[in-house]
PDB file of N, CA and C in Angstrom:
ATOM      1  N   MET A   1      27.052  52.787  80.564  1.00  0.00           N
ATOM      2  CA  MET A   1      28.277  53.414  80.945  1.00  0.00           C
ATOM      3  C   MET A   1      29.208  53.475  79.740  1.00  0.00           C
ATOM      4  N   ARG A   2      29.915  54.522  79.676  1.00  0.00           N
ATOM      5  CA  ARG A   2      30.746  54.798  78.519  1.00  0.00           C
ATOM      6  C   ARG A   2      32.167  54.325  78.783  1.00  0.00           C
ATOM      7  N   THR A   3      32.784  53.721  77.836  1.00  0.00           N
ATOM      8  CA  THR A   3      34.171  53.293  77.977  1.00  0.00           C
ATOM      9  C   THR A   3      35.065  54.395  77.447  1.00  0.00           C
ATOM     10  N   ASN A   4      36.190  54.529  78.106  1.00  0.00           N
ATOM     11  CA  ASN A   4      37.155  55.543  77.684  1.00  0.00           C
ATOM     12  C   ASN A   4      37.896  55.065  76.459  1.00  0.00           C
ATOM     13  N   THR A   5      38.038  55.963  75.559  1.00  0.00           N
ATOM     14  CA  THR A   5      38.814  55.617  74.375  1.00  0.00           C
ATOM     15  C   THR A   5      40.288  55.732  74.712  1.00  0.00           C
ATOM     16  N   ARG A   6      41.050  55.132  73.879  1.00  0.00           N
ATOM     17  CA  ARG A   6      42.496  55.175  74.072  1.00  0.00           C
ATOM     18  C   ARG A   6      43.006  56.613  74.037  1.00  0.00           C
ATOM     19  N   ALA A   7      42.482  57.448  73.177  1.00  0.00           N
ATOM     20  CA  ALA A   7      42.898  58.841  73.049  1.00  0.00           C
ATOM     21  C   ALA A   7      42.594  59.604  74.336  1.00  0.00           C
ATOM     22  N   GLU A   8      41.424  59.330  74.951  1.00  0.00           N
ATOM     23  CA  GLU A   8      41.077  60.004  76.197  1.00  0.00           C
ATOM     24  C   GLU A   8      42.022  59.593  77.315  1.00  0.00           C
ATOM     25  N   ARG A   9      42.323  58.274  77.388  1.00  0.00           N
ATOM     26  CA  ARG A   9      43.257  57.797  78.405  1.00  0.00           C
ATOM     27  C   ARG A   9      44.635  58.427  78.206  1.00  0.00           C
ATOM     28  N   ASP A  10      45.071  58.500  76.977  1.00  0.00           N
ATOM     29  CA  ASP A  10      46.376  59.098  76.686  1.00  0.00           C
ATOM     30  C   ASP A  10      46.391  60.585  77.076  1.00  0.00           C
ATOM     31  N   ALA A  11      45.307  61.274  76.815  1.00  0.00           N
ATOM     32  CA  ALA A  11      45.226  62.696  77.146  1.00  0.00           C
ATOM     33  C   ALA A  11      45.277  62.883  78.667  1.00  0.00           C
ATOM     34  N   ARG A  12      44.510  62.015  79.406  1.00  0.00           N
ATOM     35  CA  ARG A  12      44.550  62.115  80.873  1.00  0.00           C
ATOM     36  C   ARG A  12      45.942  61.792  81.398  1.00  0.00           C
ATOM     37  N   ARG A  13      46.595  60.824  80.818  1.00  0.00           N
ATOM     38  CA  ARG A  13      47.951  60.440  81.240  1.00  0.00           C
ATOM     39  C   ARG A  13      48.916  61.589  80.992  1.00  0.00           C
ATOM     40  N   ARG A  14      48.826  62.216  79.812  1.00  0.00           N
ATOM     41  CA  ARG A  14      49.709  63.348  79.519  1.00  0.00           C
ATOM     42  C   ARG A  14      49.455  64.509  80.479  1.00  0.00           C
ATOM     43  N   ALA A  15      48.185  64.732  80.800  1.00  0.00           N
ATOM     44  CA  ALA A  15      47.855  65.801  81.737  1.00  0.00           C
ATOM     45  C   ALA A  15      48.418  65.482  83.126  1.00  0.00           C
ATOM     46  N   ALA A  16      48.308  64.218  83.537  1.00  0.00           N
ATOM     47  CA  ALA A  16      48.843  63.816  84.839  1.00  0.00           C
ATOM     48  C   ALA A  16      50.359  63.970  84.851  1.00  0.00           C
ATOM     49  N   TYR A  17      51.022  63.579  83.781  1.00  0.00           N
ATOM     50  CA  TYR A  17      52.481  63.734  83.697  1.00  0.00           C
ATOM     51  C   TYR A  17      52.863  65.218  83.738  1.00  0.00           C
ATOM     52  N   ALA A  18      52.090  66.040  83.060  1.00  0.00           N
ATOM     53  CA  ALA A  18      52.381  67.483  83.053  1.00  0.00           C
ATOM     54  C   ALA A  18      52.233  68.048  84.462  1.00  0.00           C
ATOM     55  N   ARG A  19      51.178  67.627  85.206  1.00  0.00           N
ATOM     56  CA  ARG A  19      51.010  68.087  86.586  1.00  0.00           C
ATOM     57  C   ARG A  19      52.191  67.639  87.447  1.00  0.00           C
ATOM     58  N   GLN A  20      52.615  66.400  87.268  1.00  0.00           N
ATOM     59  CA  GLN A  20      53.758  65.882  88.038  1.00  0.00           C
ATOM     60  C   GLN A  20      55.033  66.672  87.726  1.00  0.00           C
ATOM     61  N   ARG A  21      55.262  66.951  86.439  1.00  0.00           N
ATOM     62  CA  ARG A  21      56.439  67.747  86.064  1.00  0.00           C
ATOM     63  C   ARG A  21      56.372  69.131  86.686  1.00  0.00           C
ATOM     64  N   ALA A  22      55.188  69.743  86.660  1.00  0.00           N
ATOM     65  CA  ALA A  22      55.034  71.077  87.247  1.00  0.00           C
ATOM     66  C   ALA A  22      55.294  71.029  88.749  1.00  0.00           C
ATOM     67  N   GLN A  23      54.807  69.989  89.412  1.00  0.00           N
ATOM     68  CA  GLN A  23      55.047  69.852  90.851  1.00  0.00           C
ATOM     69  C   GLN A  23      56.529  69.642  91.135  1.00  0.00           C
ATOM     70  N   ARG A  24      57.196  68.813  90.333  1.00  0.00           N
ATOM     71  CA  ARG A  24      58.642  68.595  90.520  1.00  0.00           C
ATOM     72  C   ARG A  24      59.418  69.877  90.284  1.00  0.00           C
ATOM     73  N   ASP A  25      59.046  70.604  89.233  1.00  0.00           N
ATOM     74  CA  ASP A  25      59.734  71.870  88.941  1.00  0.00           C
ATOM     75  C   ASP A  25      59.540  72.884  90.068  1.00  0.00           C
ATOM     76  N   ALA A  26      58.317  72.958  90.599  1.00  0.00           N
ATOM     77  CA  ALA A  26      58.048  73.888  91.698  1.00  0.00           C
ATOM     78  C   ALA A  26      58.845  73.478  92.936  1.00  0.00           C
ATOM     79  N   ALA A  27      58.909  72.172  93.212  1.00  0.00           N
ATOM     80  CA  ALA A  27      59.683  71.698  94.366  1.00  0.00           C
ATOM     81  C   ALA A  27      61.167  71.994  94.176  1.00  0.00           C
ATOM     82  N   ALA A  28      61.668  71.798  92.958  1.00  0.00           N
ATOM     83  CA  ALA A  28      63.073  72.086  92.681  1.00  0.00           C
ATOM     84  C   ALA A  28      63.357  73.575  92.870  1.00  0.00           C
ATOM     85  N   ALA A  29      62.441  74.428  92.440  1.00  0.00           N
ATOM     86  CA  ALA A  29      62.620  75.876  92.615  1.00  0.00           C
ATOM     87  C   ALA A  29      62.620  76.232  94.097  1.00  0.00           C
ATOM     88  N   ARG A  30      61.699  75.643  94.867  1.00  0.00           N
ATOM     89  CA  ARG A  30      61.671  75.903  96.315  1.00  0.00           C
ATOM     90  C   ARG A  30      62.965  75.438  96.965  1.00  0.00           C
ATOM     91  N   ASN A  31      63.438  74.263  96.565  1.00  0.00           N
ATOM     92  CA  ASN A  31      64.692  73.744  97.119  1.00  0.00           C
ATOM     93  C   ASN A  31      65.865  74.652  96.773  1.00  0.00           C
ATOM     94  N   ALA A  32      65.887  75.169  95.557  1.00  0.00           N
ATOM     95  CA  ALA A  32      66.970  76.067  95.155  1.00  0.00           C
ATOM     96  C   ALA A  32      66.949  77.338  96.002  1.00  0.00           C
ATOM     97  N   VAL A  33      65.760  77.878  96.258  1.00  0.00           N
ATOM     98  CA  VAL A  33      65.642  79.086  97.082  1.00  0.00           C
ATOM     99  C   VAL A  33      66.126  78.794  98.496  1.00  0.00           C
ATOM    100  N   HIS A  34      65.699  77.651  99.039  1.00  0.00           N
ATOM    101  CA  HIS A  34      66.121  77.291 100.398  1.00  0.00           C
ATOM    102  C   HIS A  34      67.625  77.059 100.460  1.00  0.00           C
ATOM    103  N   GLU A  35      68.179  76.415  99.443  1.00  0.00           N
ATOM    104  CA  GLU A  35      69.631  76.156  99.430  1.00  0.00           C
ATOM    105  C   GLU A  35      70.401  77.469  99.335  1.00  0.00           C
ATOM    106  N   GLU A  36      69.902  78.406  98.538  1.00  0.00           N
ATOM    107  CA  GLU A  36      70.566  79.715  98.443  1.00  0.00           C
ATOM    108  C   GLU A  36      70.507  80.440  99.780  1.00  0.00           C
ATOM    109  N   ALA A  37      69.385  80.339 100.472  1.00  0.00           N
ATOM    110  CA  ALA A  37      69.271  80.965 101.792  1.00  0.00           C
ATOM    111  C   ALA A  37      70.246  80.319 102.775  1.00  0.00           C
ATOM    112  N   ARG A  38      70.363  78.992 102.724  1.00  0.00           N
ATOM    113  CA  ARG A  38      71.315  78.311 103.602  1.00  0.00           C
ATOM    114  C   ARG A  38      72.748  78.726 103.269  1.00  0.00           C
ATOM    115  N   ALA A  39      73.056  78.842 101.975  1.00  0.00           N
ATOM    116  CA  ALA A  39      74.402  79.247 101.569  1.00  0.00           C
ATOM    117  C   ALA A  39      74.691  80.678 102.032  1.00  0.00           C
ATOM    118  N   ALA A  40      73.698  81.550 101.926  1.00  0.00           N
ATOM    119  CA  ALA A  40      73.881  82.939 102.387  1.00  0.00           C
ATOM    120  C   ALA A  40      74.118  82.965 103.892  1.00  0.00           C
ATOM    121  N   ALA A  41      73.396  82.134 104.622  1.00  0.00           N
ATOM    122  CA  ALA A  41      73.593  82.071 106.072  1.00  0.00           C
ATOM    123  C   ALA A  41      74.991  81.558 106.403  1.00  0.00           C
ATOM    124  N   ARG A  42      75.477  80.577 105.627  1.00  0.00           N
ATOM    125  CA  ARG A  42      76.837  80.070 105.847  1.00  0.00           C
ATOM    126  C   ARG A  42      77.863  81.152 105.552  1.00  0.00           C
ATOM    127  N   ARG A  43      77.663  81.906 104.467  1.00  0.00           N
ATOM    128  CA  ARG A  43      78.604  82.979 104.147  1.00  0.00           C
ATOM    129  C   ARG A  43      78.614  84.048 105.238  1.00  0.00           C
ATOM    130  N   ALA A  44      77.438  84.372 105.757  1.00  0.00           N
ATOM    131  CA  ALA A  44      77.360  85.370 106.833  1.00  0.00           C
ATOM    132  C   ALA A  44      78.083  84.856 108.075  1.00  0.00           C
ATOM    133  N   ALA A  45      77.883  83.578 108.407  1.00  0.00           N
ATOM    134  CA  ALA A  45      78.565  83.008 109.579  1.00  0.00           C
ATOM    135  C   ALA A  45      80.070  83.007 109.366  1.00  0.00           C
ATOM    136  N   ASP A  46      80.508  82.687 108.166  1.00  0.00           N
ATOM    137  CA  ASP A  46      81.947  82.711 107.863  1.00  0.00           C
ATOM    138  C   ASP A  46      82.506  84.130 107.986  1.00  0.00           C
ATOM    139  N   ALA A  47      81.730  85.109 107.523  1.00  0.00           N
ATOM    140  CA  ALA A  47      82.176  86.504 107.611  1.00  0.00           C
ATOM    141  C   ALA A  47      82.285  86.939 109.070  1.00  0.00           C
ATOM    142  N   ILE A  48      81.349  86.512 109.888  1.00  0.00           N
ATOM    143  CA  ILE A  48      81.403  86.842 111.319  1.00  0.00           C
ATOM    144  C   ILE A  48      82.621  86.193 111.947  1.00  0.00           C
ATOM    145  N   ASP A  49      82.877  84.928 111.593  1.00  0.00           N
ATOM    146  CA  ASP A  49      84.072  84.247 112.111  1.00  0.00           C
ATOM    147  C   ASP A  49      85.346  84.975 111.683  1.00  0.00           C
ATOM    148  N   ALA A  50      85.381  85.417 110.434  1.00  0.00           N
ATOM    149  CA  ALA A  50      86.556  86.135 109.938  1.00  0.00           C
ATOM    150  C   ALA A  50      86.734  87.451 110.696  1.00  0.00           C
ATOM    151  N   LEU A  51      85.631  88.139 110.996  1.00  0.00           N
ATOM    152  CA  LEU A  51      85.719  89.366 111.795  1.00  0.00           C
ATOM    153  C   LEU A  51      86.276  89.068 113.178  1.00  0.00           C
ATOM    154  N   GLU A  52      85.807  87.998 113.770  1.00  0.00           N
ATOM    155  CA  GLU A  52      86.297  87.611 115.093  1.00  0.00           C
ATOM    156  C   GLU A  52      87.789  87.306 115.044  1.00  0.00           C
ATOM    157  N   ASP A  53      88.185  86.511 114.056  1.00  0.00           N
ATOM    158  CA  ASP A  53      89.589  86.103 113.952  1.00  0.00           C
ATOM    159  C   ASP A  53      90.506  87.275 113.607  1.00  0.00           C
ATOM    160  N   GLY A  54      90.097  88.085 112.652  1.00  0.00           N
ATOM    161  CA  GLY A  54      90.975  89.146 112.163  1.00  0.00           C
ATOM    162  C   GLY A  54      90.923  90.434 112.949  1.00  0.00           C
ATOM    163  N   TRP A  55      89.748  90.774 113.491  1.00  0.00           N
ATOM    164  CA  TRP A  55      89.594  92.092 114.094  1.00  0.00           C
ATOM    165  C   TRP A  55      89.069  92.047 115.526  1.00  0.00           C
ATOM    166  N   GLY A  56      88.768  90.861 116.029  1.00  0.00           N
ATOM    167  CA  GLY A  56      88.275  90.769 117.395  1.00  0.00           C
ATOM    168  C   GLY A  56      86.793  91.046 117.533  1.00  0.00           C
ATOM    169  N   GLY A  57      86.062  90.975 116.457  1.00  0.00           N
ATOM    170  CA  GLY A  57      84.612  91.166 116.520  1.00  0.00           C
ATOM    171  C   GLY A  57      84.153  92.380 115.746  1.00  0.00           C
ATOM    172  N   ARG A  58      82.838  92.468 115.610  1.00  0.00           N
ATOM    173  CA  ARG A  58      82.219  93.524 114.809  1.00  0.00           C
ATOM    174  C   ARG A  58      82.496  94.909 115.408  1.00  0.00           C
ATOM    175  N   THR A  59      82.347  95.046 116.712  1.00  0.00           N
ATOM    176  CA  THR A  59      82.536  96.354 117.345  1.00  0.00           C
ATOM    177  C   THR A  59      83.964  96.839 117.188  1.00  0.00           C
ATOM    178  N   ARG A  60      84.916  95.951 117.440  1.00  0.00           N
ATOM    179  CA  ARG A  60      86.320  96.348 117.287  1.00  0.00           C
ATOM    180  C   ARG A  60      86.640  96.649 115.829  1.00  0.00           C
ATOM    181  N   ALA A  61      86.054  95.890 114.916  1.00  0.00           N
ATOM    182  CA  ALA A  61      86.281  96.136 113.490  1.00  0.00           C
ATOM    183  C   ALA A  61      85.727  97.501 113.088  1.00  0.00           C
ATOM    184  N   LEU A  62      84.545  97.844 113.581  1.00  0.00           N
ATOM    185  CA  LEU A  62      83.964  99.158 113.272  1.00  0.00           C
ATOM    186  C   LEU A  62      84.805 100.284 113.867  1.00  0.00           C
ATOM    187  N   ASN A  63      85.304 100.077 115.070  1.00  0.00           N
ATOM    188  CA  ASN A  63      86.185 101.086 115.675  1.00  0.00           C
ATOM    189  C   ASN A  63      87.459 101.250 114.862  1.00  0.00           C
ATOM    190  N   GLU A  64      88.016 100.126 114.405  1.00  0.00           N
ATOM    191  CA  GLU A  64      89.225 100.185 113.571  1.00  0.00           C
ATOM    192  C   GLU A  64      88.936 100.894 112.252  1.00  0.00           C
ATOM    193  N   LEU A  65      87.751 100.641 111.688  1.00  0.00           N
ATOM    194  CA  LEU A  65      87.355 101.316 110.451  1.00  0.00           C
ATOM    195  C   LEU A  65      87.285 102.826 110.665  1.00  0.00           C
ATOM    196  N   ASP A  66      86.721 103.239 111.795  1.00  0.00           N
ATOM    197  CA  ASP A  66      86.690 104.675 112.117  1.00  0.00           C
ATOM    198  C   ASP A  66      88.094 105.257 112.174  1.00  0.00           C
ATOM    199  N   GLU A  67      88.976 104.563 112.875  1.00  0.00           N
ATOM    200  CA  GLU A  67      90.361 105.036 113.005  1.00  0.00           C
ATOM    201  C   GLU A  67      91.056 105.130 111.656  1.00  0.00           C
ATOM    202  N   LEU A  68      90.917 104.077 110.858  1.00  0.00           N
ATOM    203  CA  LEU A  68      91.549 104.069 109.536  1.00  0.00           C
ATOM    204  C   LEU A  68      91.000 105.187 108.658  1.00  0.00           C
ATOM    205  N   SER A  69      89.703 105.407 108.718  1.00  0.00           N
ATOM    206  CA  SER A  69      89.096 106.461 107.901  1.00  0.00           C
ATOM    207  C   SER A  69      89.609 107.834 108.316  1.00  0.00           C
ATOM    208  N   ARG A  70      89.716 108.061 109.624  1.00  0.00           N
ATOM    209  CA  ARG A  70      90.257 109.341 110.098  1.00  0.00           C
ATOM    210  C   ARG A  70      91.716 109.501 109.658  1.00  0.00           C
ATOM    211  N   ALA A  71      92.487 108.424 109.744  1.00  0.00           N
ATOM    212  CA  ALA A  71      93.893 108.491 109.331  1.00  0.00           C
ATOM    213  C   ALA A  71      94.000 108.799 107.841  1.00  0.00           C
ATOM    214  N   LEU A  72      93.135 108.199 107.037  1.00  0.00           N
ATOM    215  CA  LEU A  72      93.163 108.472 105.598  1.00  0.00           C
ATOM    216  C   LEU A  72      92.820 109.925 105.296  1.00  0.00           C
ATOM    217  N   VAL A  73      91.864 110.484 106.014  1.00  0.00           N
ATOM    218  CA  VAL A  73      91.521 111.897 105.815  1.00  0.00           C
ATOM    219  C   VAL A  73      92.720 112.772 106.166  1.00  0.00           C
ATOM    220  N   ARG A  74      93.398 112.441 107.283  1.00  0.00           N
ATOM    221  CA  ARG A  74      94.600 113.211 107.657  1.00  0.00           C
ATOM    222  C   ARG A  74      95.664 113.105 106.577  1.00  0.00           C
ATOM    223  N   LEU A  75      95.873 111.886 106.052  1.00  0.00           N
ATOM    224  CA  LEU A  75      96.882 111.701 105.004  1.00  0.00           C
ATOM    225  C   LEU A  75      96.508 112.451 103.732  1.00  0.00           C
ATOM    226  N   GLN A  76      95.231 112.462 103.386  1.00  0.00           N
ATOM    227  CA  GLN A  76      94.809 113.196 102.189  1.00  0.00           C
ATOM    228  C   GLN A  76      95.065 114.694 102.365  1.00  0.00           C
ATOM    229  N   ARG A  77      94.767 115.210 103.546  1.00  0.00           N
ATOM    230  CA  ARG A  77      95.041 116.633 103.802  1.00  0.00           C
ATOM    231  C   ARG A  77      96.535 116.917 103.731  1.00  0.00           C
ATOM    232  N   GLU A  78      97.327 116.023 104.312  1.00  0.00           N
ATOM    233  CA  GLU A  78      98.788 116.180 104.269  1.00  0.00           C
ATOM    234  C   GLU A  78      99.280 116.112 102.827  1.00  0.00           C
ATOM    235  N   GLU A  79      98.712 115.209 102.034  1.00  0.00           N
ATOM    236  CA  GLU A  79      99.101 115.105 100.629  1.00  0.00           C
ATOM    237  C   GLU A  79      98.817 116.413  99.888  1.00  0.00           C
ATOM    238  N   VAL A  80      97.639 116.972 100.110  1.00  0.00           N
ATOM    239  CA  VAL A  80      97.284 118.237  99.456  1.00  0.00           C
ATOM    240  C   VAL A  80      98.266 119.331  99.866  1.00  0.00           C
ATOM    241  N   ARG A  81      98.587 119.384 101.170  1.00  0.00           N
ATOM    242  CA  ARG A  81      99.530 120.396 101.666  1.00  0.00           C
ATOM    243  C   ARG A  81     100.905 120.214 101.028  1.00  0.00           C
ATOM    244  N   LEU A  82     101.389 118.968 100.971  1.00  0.00           N
ATOM    245  CA  LEU A  82     102.714 118.705 100.404  1.00  0.00           C
ATOM    246  C   LEU A  82     102.752 118.982  98.904  1.00  0.00           C
ATOM    247  N   ARG A  83     101.700 118.617  98.195  1.00  0.00           N
ATOM    248  CA  ARG A  83     101.659 118.909  96.754  1.00  0.00           C
ATOM    249  C   ARG A  83     101.682 120.413  96.510  1.00  0.00           C
ATOM    250  N   SER A  84     100.938 121.139  97.307  1.00  0.00           N
ATOM    251  CA  SER A  84     100.905 122.588  97.159  1.00  0.00           C
ATOM    252  C   SER A  84     102.288 123.178  97.419  1.00  0.00           C
ATOM    253  N   GLN A  85     102.929 122.690  98.468  1.00  0.00           N
ATOM    254  CA  GLN A  85     104.280 123.163  98.802  1.00  0.00           C
ATOM    255  C   GLN A  85     105.255 122.812  97.677  1.00  0.00           C
ATOM    256  N   ARG A  86     105.155 121.593  97.141  1.00  0.00           N
ATOM    257  CA  ARG A  86     106.026 121.192  96.037  1.00  0.00           C
ATOM    258  C   ARG A  86     105.787 122.080  94.824  1.00  0.00           C
ATOM    259  N   ASP A  87     104.508 122.360  94.515  1.00  0.00           N
ATOM    260  CA  ASP A  87     104.193 123.193  93.353  1.00  0.00           C
ATOM    261  C   ASP A  87     104.748 124.606  93.507  1.00  0.00           C
ATOM    262  N   GLU A  88     104.655 125.147  94.708  1.00  0.00           N
ATOM    263  CA  GLU A  88     105.228 126.470  94.953  1.00  0.00           C
ATOM    264  C   GLU A  88     106.738 126.452  94.736  1.00  0.00           C
ATOM    265  N   LEU A  89     107.377 125.402  95.212  1.00  0.00           N
ATOM    266  CA  LEU A  89     108.826 125.278  95.062  1.00  0.00           C
ATOM    267  C   LEU A  89     109.209 125.120  93.590  1.00  0.00           C
ATOM    268  N   ILE A  90     108.423 124.348  92.857  1.00  0.00           N
ATOM    269  CA  ILE A  90     108.688 124.196  91.419  1.00  0.00           C
ATOM    270  C   ILE A  90     108.581 125.555  90.727  1.00  0.00           C
ATOM    271  N   ASP A  91     107.538 126.304  91.062  1.00  0.00           N
ATOM    272  CA  ASP A  91     107.382 127.639  90.461  1.00  0.00           C
ATOM    273  C   ASP A  91     108.587 128.523  90.769  1.00  0.00           C
ATOM    274  N   ALA A  92     109.045 128.484  92.015  1.00  0.00           N
ATOM    275  CA  ALA A  92     110.198 129.313  92.404  1.00  0.00           C
ATOM    276  C   ALA A  92     111.456 128.864  91.671  1.00  0.00           C
ATOM    277  N   LEU A  93     111.655 127.548  91.570  1.00  0.00           N
ATOM    278  CA  LEU A  93     112.844 127.036  90.868  1.00  0.00           C
ATOM    279  C   LEU A  93     112.775 127.348  89.377  1.00  0.00           C
ATOM    280  N   ARG A  94     111.606 127.265  88.785  1.00  0.00           N
ATOM    281  CA  ARG A  94     111.473 127.617  87.367  1.00  0.00           C
ATOM    282  C   ARG A  94     111.800 129.088  87.163  1.00  0.00           C
ATOM    283  N   ALA A  95     111.295 129.928  88.078  1.00  0.00           N
ATOM    284  CA  ALA A  95     111.564 131.371  87.972  1.00  0.00           C
ATOM    285  C   ALA A  95     113.059 131.649  88.114  1.00  0.00           C
ATOM    286  N   ALA A  96     113.760 130.774  88.852  1.00  0.00           N
ATOM    287  CA  ALA A  96     115.204 130.937  89.037  1.00  0.00           C
ATOM    288  C   ALA A  96     115.989 130.282  87.914  1.00  0.00           C
ATOM    289  N   GLY A  97     115.296 129.694  86.938  1.00  0.00           N
ATOM    290  CA  GLY A  97     115.981 129.159  85.764  1.00  0.00           C
ATOM    291  C   GLY A  97     116.181 127.658  85.744  1.00  0.00           C
ATOM    292  N   ALA A  98     115.626 126.908  86.688  1.00  0.00           N
ATOM    293  CA  ALA A  98     115.778 125.442  86.661  1.00  0.00           C
ATOM    294  C   ALA A  98     114.993 124.870  85.485  1.00  0.00           C
ATOM    295  N   SER A  99     115.575 123.872  84.850  1.00  0.00           N
ATOM    296  CA  SER A  99     114.924 123.283  83.676  1.00  0.00           C
ATOM    297  C   SER A  99     113.855 122.270  84.106  1.00  0.00           C
ATOM    298  N   TRP A 100     112.911 122.028  83.179  1.00  0.00           N
ATOM    299  CA  TRP A 100     111.877 121.023  83.431  1.00  0.00           C
ATOM    300  C   TRP A 100     112.512 119.646  83.599  1.00  0.00           C
ATOM    301  N   THR A 101     113.570 119.390  82.869  1.00  0.00           N
ATOM    302  CA  THR A 101     114.243 118.095  82.959  1.00  0.00           C
ATOM    303  C   THR A 101     114.818 117.879  84.359  1.00  0.00           C
ATOM    304  N   LEU A 102     115.505 118.886  84.876  1.00  0.00           N
ATOM    305  CA  LEU A 102     116.067 118.791  86.228  1.00  0.00           C
ATOM    306  C   LEU A 102     114.951 118.599  87.259  1.00  0.00           C
ATOM    307  N   LEU A 103     113.898 119.381  87.124  1.00  0.00           N
ATOM    308  CA  LEU A 103     112.783 119.267  88.072  1.00  0.00           C
ATOM    309  C   LEU A 103     112.106 117.901  87.966  1.00  0.00           C
ATOM    310  N   ALA A 104     111.987 117.386  86.758  1.00  0.00           N
ATOM    311  CA  ALA A 104     111.379 116.062  86.565  1.00  0.00           C
ATOM    312  C   ALA A 104     112.226 114.992  87.236  1.00  0.00           C
ATOM    313  N   LEU A 105     113.546 115.099  87.077  1.00  0.00           N
ATOM    314  CA  LEU A 105     114.432 114.124  87.732  1.00  0.00           C
ATOM    315  C   LEU A 105     114.291 114.174  89.245  1.00  0.00           C
ATOM    316  N   ARG A 106     114.233 115.374  89.804  1.00  0.00           N
ATOM    317  CA  ARG A 106     114.168 115.525  91.251  1.00  0.00           C
ATOM    318  C   ARG A 106     112.821 115.102  91.836  1.00  0.00           C
ATOM    319  N   THR A 107     111.736 115.287  91.084  1.00  0.00           N
ATOM    320  CA  THR A 107     110.405 114.968  91.605  1.00  0.00           C
ATOM    321  C   THR A 107     109.964 113.550  91.264  1.00  0.00           C
ATOM    322  N   LYS A 108     110.732 112.882  90.387  1.00  0.00           N
ATOM    323  CA  LYS A 108     110.371 111.532  89.913  1.00  0.00           C
ATOM    324  C   LYS A 108     109.073 111.550  89.105  1.00  0.00           C
ATOM    325  N   LEU A 109     108.782 112.685  88.492  1.00  0.00           N
ATOM    326  CA  LEU A 109     107.636 112.829  87.599  1.00  0.00           C
ATOM    327  C   LEU A 109     108.167 113.121  86.205  1.00  0.00           C
ATOM    328  N   SER A 110     107.357 112.874  85.210  1.00  0.00           N
ATOM    329  CA  SER A 110     107.794 113.199  83.854  1.00  0.00           C
ATOM    330  C   SER A 110     107.696 114.707  83.634  1.00  0.00           C
ATOM    331  N   ARG A 111     108.452 115.176  82.664  1.00  0.00           N
ATOM    332  CA  ARG A 111     108.380 116.596  82.321  1.00  0.00           C
ATOM    333  C   ARG A 111     106.956 116.961  81.935  1.00  0.00           C
ATOM    334  N   GLN A 112     106.347 116.085  81.143  1.00  0.00           N
ATOM    335  CA  GLN A 112     104.975 116.346  80.691  1.00  0.00           C
ATOM    336  C   GLN A 112     104.025 116.469  81.884  1.00  0.00           C
ATOM    337  N   ALA A 113     104.169 115.575  82.863  1.00  0.00           N
ATOM    338  CA  ALA A 113     103.294 115.630  84.041  1.00  0.00           C
ATOM    339  C   ALA A 113     103.497 116.931  84.813  1.00  0.00           C
ATOM    340  N   LEU A 114     104.749 117.339  84.969  1.00  0.00           N
ATOM    341  CA  LEU A 114     105.024 118.595  85.672  1.00  0.00           C
ATOM    342  C   LEU A 114     104.434 119.788  84.932  1.00  0.00           C
ATOM    343  N   ILE A 115     104.662 119.813  83.650  1.00  0.00           N
ATOM    344  CA  ILE A 115     104.186 120.940  82.847  1.00  0.00           C
ATOM    345  C   ILE A 115     102.666 120.994  82.868  1.00  0.00           C
ATOM    346  N   LYS A 116     102.017 119.832  82.721  1.00  0.00           N
ATOM    347  CA  LYS A 116     100.559 119.799  82.757  1.00  0.00           C
ATOM    348  C   LYS A 116     100.048 120.234  84.127  1.00  0.00           C
ATOM    349  N   ARG A 117     100.669 119.717  85.173  1.00  0.00           N
ATOM    350  CA  ARG A 117     100.228 120.045  86.534  1.00  0.00           C
ATOM    351  C   ARG A 117     100.329 121.541  86.801  1.00  0.00           C
ATOM    352  N   ARG A 118     101.372 122.153  86.301  1.00  0.00           N
ATOM    353  CA  ARG A 118     101.580 123.573  86.527  1.00  0.00           C
ATOM    354  C   ARG A 118     100.796 124.414  85.535  1.00  0.00           C
ATOM    355  N   GLY A 119     100.271 123.789  84.457  1.00  0.00           N
ATOM    356  CA  GLY A 119      99.499 124.545  83.478  1.00  0.00           C
ATOM    357  C   GLY A 119     100.312 125.618  82.798  1.00  0.00           C
ATOM    358  N   VAL A 120     101.560 125.294  82.488  1.00  0.00           N
ATOM    359  CA  VAL A 120     102.515 126.265  81.958  1.00  0.00           C
ATOM    360  C   VAL A 120     102.468 126.279  80.438  1.00  0.00           C
ATOM    361  N   ALA A 121     102.608 127.491  79.872  1.00  0.00           N
ATOM    362  CA  ALA A 121     102.633 127.628  78.422  1.00  0.00           C
ATOM    363  C   ALA A 121     104.046 127.860  77.901  1.00  0.00           C
ATOM    364  N   ASP A 122     105.014 128.175  78.783  1.00  0.00           N
ATOM    365  CA  ASP A 122     106.365 128.537  78.334  1.00  0.00           C
ATOM    366  C   ASP A 122     107.285 127.316  78.235  1.00  0.00           C
ATOM    367  N   VAL A 123     106.842 126.274  77.587  1.00  0.00           N
ATOM    368  CA  VAL A 123     107.607 125.024  77.529  1.00  0.00           C
ATOM    369  C   VAL A 123     108.818 125.156  76.628  1.00  0.00           C
ATOM    370  N   GLY A 124     108.766 126.022  75.665  1.00  0.00           N
ATOM    371  CA  GLY A 124     109.773 126.099  74.630  1.00  0.00           C
ATOM    372  C   GLY A 124     111.210 126.192  75.066  1.00  0.00           C
ATOM    373  N   GLY A 125     111.621 127.295  75.620  1.00  0.00           N
ATOM    374  CA  GLY A 125     113.025 127.639  75.818  1.00  0.00           C
ATOM    375  C   GLY A 125     113.841 126.640  76.621  1.00  0.00           C
ATOM    376  N   GLN A 126     113.559 126.430  77.873  1.00  0.00           N
ATOM    377  CA  GLN A 126     114.463 125.621  78.709  1.00  0.00           C
ATOM    378  C   GLN A 126     113.909 124.215  78.868  1.00  0.00           C
ATOM    379  N   ALA A 127     114.560 123.262  78.280  1.00  0.00           N
ATOM    380  CA  ALA A 127     114.093 121.887  78.403  1.00  0.00           C
ATOM    381  C   ALA A 127     114.997 121.085  79.185  1.00  0.00           C
TER     382      ALA A 127
END
């Protein structure tokens, strides 16, 4: 029977330690995945609780989202209508001789913003 040399024993020991490290690393990775899944589940439960507290549940929150979205569309349409009306009025006032400075003061916009918005080239004369 052959006796193991010290080098062979050391090699087997290093291999065993390497296997143990690999097993520990794999277990740590599995634990990290499981912990992340648990944390995600906790966040989802917290979000559901927040929906219940703030909006009365998922269904009511979705209904409120629908309402808010419709209201925003109405406001955007109203904004477009009002901007168009304002632009028409600015054009009429400019044609009547109102200065960009006066119009800027009244609209709370800068002269540059008004001029750019209107795409006007006749900036020179009346400031």
